[in-house]
Amino acid sequence: MGSTGETDPGRPGDARDRDSEGRARNARPRDGLGRPLPYDADGVPRQPEGVVRTPEETVVEAQRLLDEGKPFHAHEVFEDAWKSGPDEERELWRGLAQLAVGLTHAARGNLTGGARLLRRGAGAAEAWMSGSGQPRPHGIDVAGVAAWARELAGDVERDGRAVDAGARAPRLRGGVPGR
């Protein structure tokens, strides 16, 4: 879209995805990996933003979304915890959000960015664990999740192809998928 006045197919008339202050509203439908779809397409329901959840609710909801192959949406859940949780846990949730974004990119085929974010998130979560002395905050197996991220980053770089987000989802509390 340029200055010619053309609009995206299916986009309502002169509607803009901006609020009154010009910030993006992200009203466009998205697929399971968070990619924008045409305005008239059926998308995956978005996670509401700014939801304050307990840590237990955060872990359960994020794991559900990861298992469903929706790491972009899981990242939004972690981001809410990062922004609304106690200051001493911000880096934990930020690291987990980065891991989810890394999986999103790896599933979308952005292999370099995916591997980089997976390693960055692993490092952030491990640094938080080291500083806090809590290896399993809220039941999260931080070391196991970090190891998963590093392994996936290596696999993505070695194999050179996008991954199935649901099949490669981490187990936040350890164990075997489906348990």
C-alpha atoms as a PDB file:
ATOM      1  CA  MET A   1       0.000   0.000   0.000  1.00  0.00           C
ATOM      2  CA  GLY A   2       1.437   3.298  -0.941  1.00  0.00           C
ATOM      3  CA  SER A   3       0.215   6.805  -1.414  1.00  0.00           C
ATOM      4  CA  THR A   4      -2.166   5.687  -4.182  1.00  0.00           C
ATOM      5  CA  GLY A   5      -4.942   5.162  -1.652  1.00  0.00           C
ATOM      6  CA  GLU A   6      -5.274   1.439  -2.325  1.00  0.00           C
ATOM      7  CA  THR A   7      -6.300  -0.788   0.586  1.00  0.00           C
ATOM      8  CA  ASP A   8      -5.811  -4.411   1.494  1.00  0.00           C
ATOM      9  CA  PRO A   9      -8.438  -6.821   0.168  1.00  0.00           C
ATOM     10  CA  GLY A  10     -11.194  -7.337   2.683  1.00  0.00           C
ATOM     11  CA  ARG A  11     -10.135  -4.356   4.771  1.00  0.00           C
ATOM     12  CA  PRO A  12     -13.058  -2.211   5.830  1.00  0.00           C
ATOM     13  CA  GLY A  13     -13.245   1.094   3.887  1.00  0.00           C
ATOM     14  CA  ASP A  14     -11.008   3.724   5.446  1.00  0.00           C
ATOM     15  CA  ALA A  15     -10.462   1.772   8.665  1.00  0.00           C
ATOM     16  CA  ARG A  16      -6.966   1.807  10.111  1.00  0.00           C
ATOM     17  CA  ASP A  17      -5.533  -0.611  12.631  1.00  0.00           C
ATOM     18  CA  ARG A  18      -4.563   2.343  14.816  1.00  0.00           C
ATOM     19  CA  ASP A  19      -5.980   3.847  17.965  1.00  0.00           C
ATOM     20  CA  SER A  20      -6.644   7.571  18.344  1.00  0.00           C
ATOM     21  CA  GLU A  21      -2.966   8.147  19.235  1.00  0.00           C
ATOM     22  CA  GLY A  22      -1.687   6.278  16.176  1.00  0.00           C
ATOM     23  CA  ARG A  23      -0.621   3.070  17.963  1.00  0.00           C
ATOM     24  CA  ALA A  24      -1.281  -0.215  16.199  1.00  0.00           C
ATOM     25  CA  ARG A  25      -4.378  -2.077  17.415  1.00  0.00           C
ATOM     26  CA  ASN A  26      -3.472  -5.329  15.679  1.00  0.00           C
ATOM     27  CA  ALA A  27      -7.083  -5.917  14.661  1.00  0.00           C
ATOM     28  CA  ARG A  28      -6.080  -8.066  11.690  1.00  0.00           C
ATOM     29  CA  PRO A  29      -6.862 -11.771  11.999  1.00  0.00           C
ATOM     30  CA  ARG A  30      -3.838 -13.980  12.667  1.00  0.00           C
ATOM     31  CA  ASP A  31      -3.006 -17.613  12.077  1.00  0.00           C
ATOM     32  CA  GLY A  32      -1.801 -19.989  14.794  1.00  0.00           C
ATOM     33  CA  LEU A  33       1.760 -18.695  14.448  1.00  0.00           C
ATOM     34  CA  GLY A  34       0.672 -15.063  14.702  1.00  0.00           C
ATOM     35  CA  ARG A  35       1.071 -14.249  11.005  1.00  0.00           C
ATOM     36  CA  PRO A  36      -1.386 -11.639   9.708  1.00  0.00           C
ATOM     37  CA  LEU A  37      -4.148 -12.893   7.456  1.00  0.00           C
ATOM     38  CA  PRO A  38      -6.394 -10.942   5.060  1.00  0.00           C
ATOM     39  CA  TYR A  39      -8.951  -8.824   6.908  1.00  0.00           C
ATOM     40  CA  ASP A  40     -11.869 -10.992   5.788  1.00  0.00           C
ATOM     41  CA  ALA A  41     -10.204 -14.295   6.777  1.00  0.00           C
ATOM     42  CA  ASP A  42     -11.092 -16.396   9.782  1.00  0.00           C
ATOM     43  CA  GLY A  43      -8.162 -16.291  12.161  1.00  0.00           C
ATOM     44  CA  VAL A  44      -7.203 -17.921  15.403  1.00  0.00           C
ATOM     45  CA  PRO A  45      -8.702 -16.076  18.376  1.00  0.00           C
ATOM     46  CA  ARG A  46      -6.122 -13.733  19.864  1.00  0.00           C
ATOM     47  CA  GLN A  47      -5.067 -13.843  23.471  1.00  0.00           C
ATOM     48  CA  PRO A  48      -6.509 -10.840  25.251  1.00  0.00           C
ATOM     49  CA  GLU A  49      -3.748  -8.419  26.233  1.00  0.00           C
ATOM     50  CA  GLY A  50      -3.076  -7.211  29.749  1.00  0.00           C
ATOM     51  CA  VAL A  51      -4.631 -10.182  31.539  1.00  0.00           C
ATOM     52  CA  VAL A  52      -3.387 -10.600  35.085  1.00  0.00           C
ATOM     53  CA  ARG A  53      -3.118 -14.304  35.844  1.00  0.00           C
ATOM     54  CA  THR A  54      -1.677 -16.198  38.757  1.00  0.00           C
ATOM     55  CA  PRO A  55       1.613 -17.923  37.982  1.00  0.00           C
ATOM     56  CA  GLU A  56      -0.265 -21.254  37.944  1.00  0.00           C
ATOM     57  CA  GLU A  57      -2.786 -19.927  35.411  1.00  0.00           C
ATOM     58  CA  THR A  58       0.059 -18.516  33.312  1.00  0.00           C
ATOM     59  CA  VAL A  59       1.941 -21.818  33.169  1.00  0.00           C
ATOM     60  CA  VAL A  60      -1.191 -23.870  32.432  1.00  0.00           C
ATOM     61  CA  GLU A  61      -2.443 -21.495  29.703  1.00  0.00           C
ATOM     62  CA  ALA A  62       0.972 -21.129  28.088  1.00  0.00           C
ATOM     63  CA  GLN A  63       1.499 -24.909  28.065  1.00  0.00           C
ATOM     64  CA  ARG A  64      -1.930 -25.431  26.478  1.00  0.00           C
ATOM     65  CA  LEU A  65      -1.110 -22.958  23.720  1.00  0.00           C
ATOM     66  CA  LEU A  66       2.348 -24.432  23.158  1.00  0.00           C
ATOM     67  CA  ASP A  67       0.855 -27.935  22.911  1.00  0.00           C
ATOM     68  CA  GLU A  68      -1.653 -26.632  20.345  1.00  0.00           C
ATOM     69  CA  GLY A  69       1.204 -25.302  18.203  1.00  0.00           C
ATOM     70  CA  LYS A  70       0.477 -21.654  19.072  1.00  0.00           C
ATOM     71  CA  PRO A  71       3.743 -20.364  20.512  1.00  0.00           C
ATOM     72  CA  PHE A  72       2.993 -16.799  19.365  1.00  0.00           C
ATOM     73  CA  HIS A  73      -0.083 -16.827  21.582  1.00  0.00           C
ATOM     74  CA  ALA A  74       1.851 -18.458  24.457  1.00  0.00           C
ATOM     75  CA  HIS A  75       4.364 -15.611  24.188  1.00  0.00           C
ATOM     76  CA  GLU A  76       1.523 -13.153  24.806  1.00  0.00           C
ATOM     77  CA  VAL A  77       0.581 -15.030  27.993  1.00  0.00           C
ATOM     78  CA  PHE A  78       4.191 -14.923  29.207  1.00  0.00           C
ATOM     79  CA  GLU A  79       4.384 -11.247  28.265  1.00  0.00           C
ATOM     80  CA  ASP A  80       1.366 -10.491  30.466  1.00  0.00           C
ATOM     81  CA  ALA A  81       3.115 -12.232  33.388  1.00  0.00           C
ATOM     82  CA  TRP A  82       6.317 -10.325  32.632  1.00  0.00           C
ATOM     83  CA  LYS A  83       4.473  -7.002  32.680  1.00  0.00           C
ATOM     84  CA  SER A  84       2.102  -7.645  35.604  1.00  0.00           C
ATOM     85  CA  GLY A  85       4.073  -9.975  37.868  1.00  0.00           C
ATOM     86  CA  PRO A  86       6.397  -9.111  40.695  1.00  0.00           C
ATOM     87  CA  ASP A  87       9.621  -7.328  39.744  1.00  0.00           C
ATOM     88  CA  GLU A  88      11.737 -10.210  41.018  1.00  0.00           C
ATOM     89  CA  GLU A  89      10.165 -12.554  38.431  1.00  0.00           C
ATOM     90  CA  ARG A  90      10.183 -10.261  35.398  1.00  0.00           C
ATOM     91  CA  GLU A  91      13.325 -11.753  33.857  1.00  0.00           C
ATOM     92  CA  LEU A  92      11.977 -15.295  34.227  1.00  0.00           C
ATOM     93  CA  TRP A  93       8.785 -14.467  32.321  1.00  0.00           C
ATOM     94  CA  ARG A  94      10.689 -12.373  29.781  1.00  0.00           C
ATOM     95  CA  GLY A  95      13.019 -15.298  29.088  1.00  0.00           C
ATOM     96  CA  LEU A  96      10.065 -17.655  28.659  1.00  0.00           C
ATOM     97  CA  ALA A  97       8.406 -15.161  26.302  1.00  0.00           C
ATOM     98  CA  GLN A  98      11.613 -15.059  24.241  1.00  0.00           C
ATOM     99  CA  LEU A  99      11.632 -18.866  24.070  1.00  0.00           C
ATOM    100  CA  ALA A 100       8.063 -18.856  22.764  1.00  0.00           C
ATOM    101  CA  VAL A 101       8.941 -16.219  20.167  1.00  0.00           C
ATOM    102  CA  GLY A 102      11.991 -18.266  19.177  1.00  0.00           C
ATOM    103  CA  LEU A 103       9.773 -21.299  18.603  1.00  0.00           C
ATOM    104  CA  THR A 104       7.386 -19.078  16.627  1.00  0.00           C
ATOM    105  CA  HIS A 105      10.172 -17.941  14.327  1.00  0.00           C
ATOM    106  CA  ALA A 106      11.556 -21.462  13.940  1.00  0.00           C
ATOM    107  CA  ALA A 107       8.069 -22.673  12.958  1.00  0.00           C
ATOM    108  CA  ARG A 108       7.605 -19.777  10.509  1.00  0.00           C
ATOM    109  CA  GLY A 109      10.900 -20.639   8.809  1.00  0.00           C
ATOM    110  CA  ASN A 110      12.980 -17.750  10.183  1.00  0.00           C
ATOM    111  CA  LEU A 111      15.668 -20.182  11.269  1.00  0.00           C
ATOM    112  CA  THR A 112      18.433 -17.727  12.145  1.00  0.00           C
ATOM    113  CA  GLY A 113      16.141 -15.506  14.205  1.00  0.00           C
ATOM    114  CA  GLY A 114      14.460 -18.505  15.808  1.00  0.00           C
ATOM    115  CA  ALA A 115      17.742 -20.066  16.921  1.00  0.00           C
ATOM    116  CA  ARG A 116      18.999 -16.716  18.224  1.00  0.00           C
ATOM    117  CA  LEU A 117      15.847 -16.078  20.269  1.00  0.00           C
ATOM    118  CA  LEU A 118      15.770 -19.626  21.617  1.00  0.00           C
ATOM    119  CA  ARG A 119      19.326 -19.231  22.918  1.00  0.00           C
ATOM    120  CA  ARG A 120      18.667 -15.719  24.254  1.00  0.00           C
ATOM    121  CA  GLY A 121      15.566 -16.891  26.108  1.00  0.00           C
ATOM    122  CA  ALA A 122      17.413 -19.908  27.509  1.00  0.00           C
ATOM    123  CA  GLY A 123      20.194 -17.644  28.748  1.00  0.00           C
ATOM    124  CA  ALA A 124      17.756 -15.189  30.337  1.00  0.00           C
ATOM    125  CA  ALA A 125      15.821 -17.954  32.126  1.00  0.00           C
ATOM    126  CA  GLU A 126      19.039 -19.591  33.338  1.00  0.00           C
ATOM    127  CA  ALA A 127      20.420 -16.247  34.535  1.00  0.00           C
ATOM    128  CA  TRP A 128      17.211 -15.617  36.463  1.00  0.00           C
ATOM    129  CA  MET A 129      17.363 -19.112  37.993  1.00  0.00           C
ATOM    130  CA  SER A 130      20.992 -18.643  38.984  1.00  0.00           C
ATOM    131  CA  GLY A 131      20.316 -15.269  40.578  1.00  0.00           C
ATOM    132  CA  SER A 132      17.145 -16.341  42.357  1.00  0.00           C
ATOM    133  CA  GLY A 133      18.340 -19.754  43.511  1.00  0.00           C
ATOM    134  CA  GLN A 134      14.972 -21.194  42.418  1.00  0.00           C
ATOM    135  CA  PRO A 135      15.404 -24.092  39.975  1.00  0.00           C
ATOM    136  CA  ARG A 136      11.644 -24.800  39.700  1.00  0.00           C
ATOM    137  CA  PRO A 137       9.707 -21.556  40.151  1.00  0.00           C
ATOM    138  CA  HIS A 138       5.987 -22.280  39.989  1.00  0.00           C
ATOM    139  CA  GLY A 139       6.910 -25.848  39.026  1.00  0.00           C
ATOM    140  CA  ILE A 140       8.710 -24.729  35.844  1.00  0.00           C
ATOM    141  CA  ASP A 141      11.724 -26.886  35.027  1.00  0.00           C
ATOM    142  CA  VAL A 142      13.909 -23.940  34.024  1.00  0.00           C
ATOM    143  CA  ALA A 143      17.011 -26.042  33.344  1.00  0.00           C
ATOM    144  CA  GLY A 144      14.996 -28.533  31.284  1.00  0.00           C
ATOM    145  CA  VAL A 145      13.299 -25.792  29.266  1.00  0.00           C
ATOM    146  CA  ALA A 146      16.645 -24.080  28.634  1.00  0.00           C
ATOM    147  CA  ALA A 147      18.146 -27.395  27.478  1.00  0.00           C
ATOM    148  CA  TRP A 148      15.133 -27.908  25.177  1.00  0.00           C
ATOM    149  CA  ALA A 149      15.674 -24.449  23.675  1.00  0.00           C
ATOM    150  CA  ARG A 150      19.372 -24.984  23.035  1.00  0.00           C
ATOM    151  CA  GLU A 151      18.718 -28.397  21.482  1.00  0.00           C
ATOM    152  CA  LEU A 152      15.983 -27.000  19.237  1.00  0.00           C
ATOM    153  CA  ALA A 153      18.216 -24.095  18.184  1.00  0.00           C
ATOM    154  CA  GLY A 154      20.899 -26.579  17.142  1.00  0.00           C
ATOM    155  CA  ASP A 155      18.388 -28.772  15.306  1.00  0.00           C
ATOM    156  CA  VAL A 156      16.972 -25.795  13.404  1.00  0.00           C
ATOM    157  CA  GLU A 157      20.424 -24.669  12.318  1.00  0.00           C
ATOM    158  CA  ARG A 158      21.550 -28.169  11.380  1.00  0.00           C
ATOM    159  CA  ASP A 159      18.372 -29.246   9.561  1.00  0.00           C
ATOM    160  CA  GLY A 160      17.719 -25.910   7.850  1.00  0.00           C
ATOM    161  CA  ARG A 161      13.935 -26.202   7.830  1.00  0.00           C
ATOM    162  CA  ALA A 162      10.929 -24.972   9.765  1.00  0.00           C
ATOM    163  CA  VAL A 163       9.713 -27.042  12.691  1.00  0.00           C
ATOM    164  CA  ASP A 164       6.246 -28.182  13.723  1.00  0.00           C
ATOM    165  CA  ALA A 165       5.591 -25.919  16.719  1.00  0.00           C
ATOM    166  CA  GLY A 166       3.201 -28.303  18.454  1.00  0.00           C
ATOM    167  CA  ALA A 167       5.409 -31.350  17.972  1.00  0.00           C
ATOM    168  CA  ARG A 168       8.468 -29.467  19.268  1.00  0.00           C
ATOM    169  CA  ALA A 169       6.746 -27.649  22.144  1.00  0.00           C
ATOM    170  CA  PRO A 170       8.618 -27.606  25.443  1.00  0.00           C
ATOM    171  CA  ARG A 171       7.321 -29.231  28.607  1.00  0.00           C
ATOM    172  CA  LEU A 172       7.377 -26.325  31.021  1.00  0.00           C
ATOM    173  CA  ARG A 173       7.184 -28.591  34.030  1.00  0.00           C
ATOM    174  CA  GLY A 174       9.233 -31.392  32.562  1.00  0.00           C
ATOM    175  CA  GLY A 175       7.993 -34.862  31.799  1.00  0.00           C
ATOM    176  CA  VAL A 176       6.522 -36.298  28.656  1.00  0.00           C
ATOM    177  CA  PRO A 177       4.081 -34.420  26.374  1.00  0.00           C
ATOM    178  CA  GLY A 178       0.467 -35.128  27.228  1.00  0.00           C
ATOM    179  CA  ARG A 179       1.179 -35.734  30.924  1.00  0.00           C
END
